[in-house]
Amino acid sequence: MTRKKKTRSLADKVTIRTGRRKDFKKWRHDNPDQVTSSRRFVAKKQQQRKLQAVRKLARQQEGQNIVIHPDKEGDNPSGDHS
C-alpha cells in the first residue's frame, strides 16, 4: 500500500500578516519594535517580582546566622576568639 504524498504548505510563502500563528511569529520576529507586552501582563509580573523579593527577604531573615571564617578577627563581631 502506497502512502499519500504530502502537499507542500503555503504557510511559508505567505507574506502578509494573517491570524495564523506561524505568520504572527514571523511578523513578530521581523518587527521587534512594534511588539510590546500588555499593561496587565507587565503589572502582573511586577507584582510577582515584588512578592518573590518579600519572600526571599523573609527566608533570609529567619535563617540562622553562621560565621564563615571564625578564625579571622575582622569577621567575628563578638570578639570571643582573640
Protein backbone atom coordinates (compact mmCIF):
# COMPACT_ATOMS: atom_id res chain seq x y z
CA MET A 1 0.00 0.00 0.00
CA THR A 2 1.49 3.31 -1.04
CA ARG A 3 1.43 6.40 1.08
CA LYS A 4 -0.21 9.58 0.00
CA LYS A 5 2.25 12.33 -0.95
CA LYS A 6 2.25 15.27 1.42
CA THR A 7 1.12 18.56 -0.02
CA ARG A 8 3.51 21.45 0.27
CA SER A 9 2.35 24.00 2.79
CA LEU A 10 1.60 27.52 1.65
CA ALA A 11 2.28 28.89 5.14
CA ASP A 12 5.95 29.55 4.35
CA LYS A 13 5.07 31.52 1.23
CA VAL A 14 2.67 33.90 2.95
CA THR A 15 3.95 37.48 3.04
CA ILE A 16 1.04 39.26 4.71
CA ARG A 17 0.19 39.09 8.39
CA THR A 18 -2.83 36.90 8.91
CA GLY A 19 -4.37 35.49 12.02
CA ARG A 20 -2.34 32.32 11.70
CA ARG A 21 0.14 31.57 14.45
CA LYS A 22 3.08 30.86 12.16
CA ASP A 23 2.55 34.12 10.27
CA PHE A 24 2.30 36.08 13.51
CA LYS A 25 5.51 34.51 14.84
CA LYS A 26 7.30 35.52 11.64
CA TRP A 27 5.88 39.05 11.77
CA ARG A 28 6.83 39.38 15.44
CA HIS A 29 10.36 38.24 14.67
CA ASP A 30 10.66 40.73 11.79
CA ASN A 31 9.18 43.67 13.75
CA PRO A 32 10.51 43.59 17.32
CA ASP A 33 9.98 47.33 17.82
CA GLN A 34 6.21 47.03 17.34
CA VAL A 35 5.78 44.19 19.83
CA THR A 36 5.09 45.18 23.44
CA SER A 37 3.67 43.33 26.40
CA SER A 38 0.22 44.25 27.62
CA ARG A 39 -0.05 46.52 30.66
CA ARG A 40 -1.91 43.80 32.52
CA PHE A 41 0.91 41.29 31.94
CA VAL A 42 3.58 43.82 32.97
CA ALA A 43 1.68 44.71 36.15
CA LYS A 44 1.21 41.02 36.96
CA LYS A 45 4.92 40.31 36.55
CA GLN A 46 5.88 43.34 38.66
CA GLN A 47 3.60 42.12 41.43
CA GLN A 48 5.09 38.61 41.23
CA ARG A 49 8.63 40.00 41.46
CA LYS A 50 7.74 42.12 44.50
CA LEU A 51 6.17 39.12 46.21
CA GLN A 52 9.18 36.99 45.39
CA ALA A 53 11.54 39.62 46.84
CA VAL A 54 9.49 39.81 50.07
CA ARG A 55 9.53 36.03 50.44
CA LYS A 56 13.27 35.88 49.80
CA LEU A 57 13.93 38.57 52.40
CA ALA A 58 11.75 36.73 54.94
CA ARG A 59 13.64 33.49 54.30
CA GLN A 60 16.97 35.24 54.73
CA GLN A 61 15.94 36.89 57.99
CA GLU A 62 14.50 33.75 59.59
CA GLY A 63 17.59 31.68 58.77
CA GLN A 64 20.35 31.24 61.32
CA ASN A 65 23.50 33.34 61.14
CA ILE A 66 26.70 31.42 60.59
CA VAL A 67 30.26 32.63 60.87
CA ILE A 68 32.05 31.93 57.63
CA HIS A 69 35.65 32.45 58.86
CA PRO A 70 35.63 32.15 62.66
CA ASP A 71 39.44 32.35 62.93
CA LYS A 72 39.61 35.88 61.44
CA GLU A 73 39.08 38.72 63.91
CA GLY A 74 37.58 41.18 61.39
CA ASP A 75 34.63 38.93 60.54
CA ASN A 76 33.81 37.95 64.14
CA PRO A 77 31.84 40.83 65.72
CA SER A 78 31.61 39.21 69.16
CA GLY A 79 35.38 39.23 69.68
CA ASP A 80 35.36 35.96 71.61
CA HIS A 81 38.12 34.35 69.56
CA SER A 82 41.13 36.59 70.27
